[in-house]
Amino acid sequence: MKWEALGDVTVMIVDDDEFNRQLVVSLLSTISTISFVEAEDGKEALAILEKTEVDMVLLDLHMPKLDGYETLKAIKKELKYMFIPVAIVTTDEQEMKKLYSLGADDFLSKPFKLTELESRIYAHIEKSRYRKKYQELAEKKIKEDASTIKFTEEEKLKESKEKDKESSNGYSLEVIELSQKKFFYNISKLLNKSREDKQRVKVVATLSRALSLIFGYNERISKNISLATAIRSIGALSLTDNTPPLFFDYSKENQEQYQKYIFTTQELLNNTIETEFIRIVKIMVIQHKEYYDGSGFPNRLKGENIHNIAYIVNLVETFHLLLSKKEYFNNKIYSQKETYELLKKETAQRFHPQITKLFLAHFDYFIQLREKIIKEDY
């Protein structure tokens, strides 16, 4: 093992027994590049993580104030700790299954064996350093790619002077837009009642905002895109069966059902004062089932005739559903690798090439972000 190649390494030992903490330190004391920080319980460990850069955590389960389970959940919920592997000290197989589902990276047993302890820590930190480096390169590539994209003024949806004008009834468009968001969002909460629907709405909204920012939209527009994904099902109010089910491939009958929903939603929006937010919702509703190669619906639009906002929403929703719904495509839940390959295969067919390229370059980030949202709702 080439510890020098990893540079300086900091390992945090979380255990209420001082002897156990010192045992780990003494076993690894011959490795000059490792330094240690110690915590007596989970609460102290989280406080240390806020202030200290840590490369790996060795976590005991049974501690006062905050035990290993709650500490693990708290660490894995934070994206800023996504590259910190957590090894749990336990030999109980039932506990291992539960802890693995919470995000544990490895398990260690007592009494510690020097060779095993050293090799496990080395392997996890080496992998973590590689993933972090890959992420940094991906982010750099995304920024470079995004800077080469040429947007039209309409595509960027830049701030309009209309924001500062007064509408005919005396209210500014900014005030009207805020009222629209509150009104339609409250309606969407009535439509999305099941846990699955609520989770899908939250995931798609969050991931759409993230991809919009990566793609080059500003913070305000990205927030509007995010909220618009949550309210695009308002047309279901007028349908007896609510929103039609989502499929990867729609039969003719499915398309007819979904088109009815799309046009009903469009009709509701046409009777609403047009603000930037409403324009985004309209684009999303009418175009998010259109495909790059012209095989989508309802209008068989193709290529650049489809708005980038629609491409973004279609892509992230497909990503989420492939990983979570058996009936969405071929009656199975896709693995991360299978999902990546399918999205790559559909580039320039179903999805916009440039947007898909940016998404796949940052695939690990979106996996982590999706998992974080799901764990928060667990």
Foldseek 3Di string as FASTA:
>chain_A
DCPVVLAAAEEEEEALDVVVVVVLCVLCVVRVRYDYDYHNALVRVVVCVVPDDHQEYEAEADGPPHGRQRSLLVQLLDPVNVLYAYEYEDDDPVVVVVSVLSPHDYYHYPPDDSVVVVVVSVVSSVVSVVVVVLLVVLLVVLQVLLVPDDDDCVLLLDDDPQQVDADPVGHRVVVQVVVVLVVLLVLLCVQQPDPVSVLLLQLLLVQQLVLCVSNPHDNVVSNLLSSLSSRLQSLLVPPPVGAQDAAPDADPVSQVSNVSSLVSSLVVLVPGPDDSSSVSSNLQSQALQAFQCQPGDDVSDHHPVRRPSSLSSNLSSQLVCLQPALRRYVSHRDDLVRSLVVLVVCDSPGHDNSSSVSCSSNVVVSVSVSVSSVSVSD
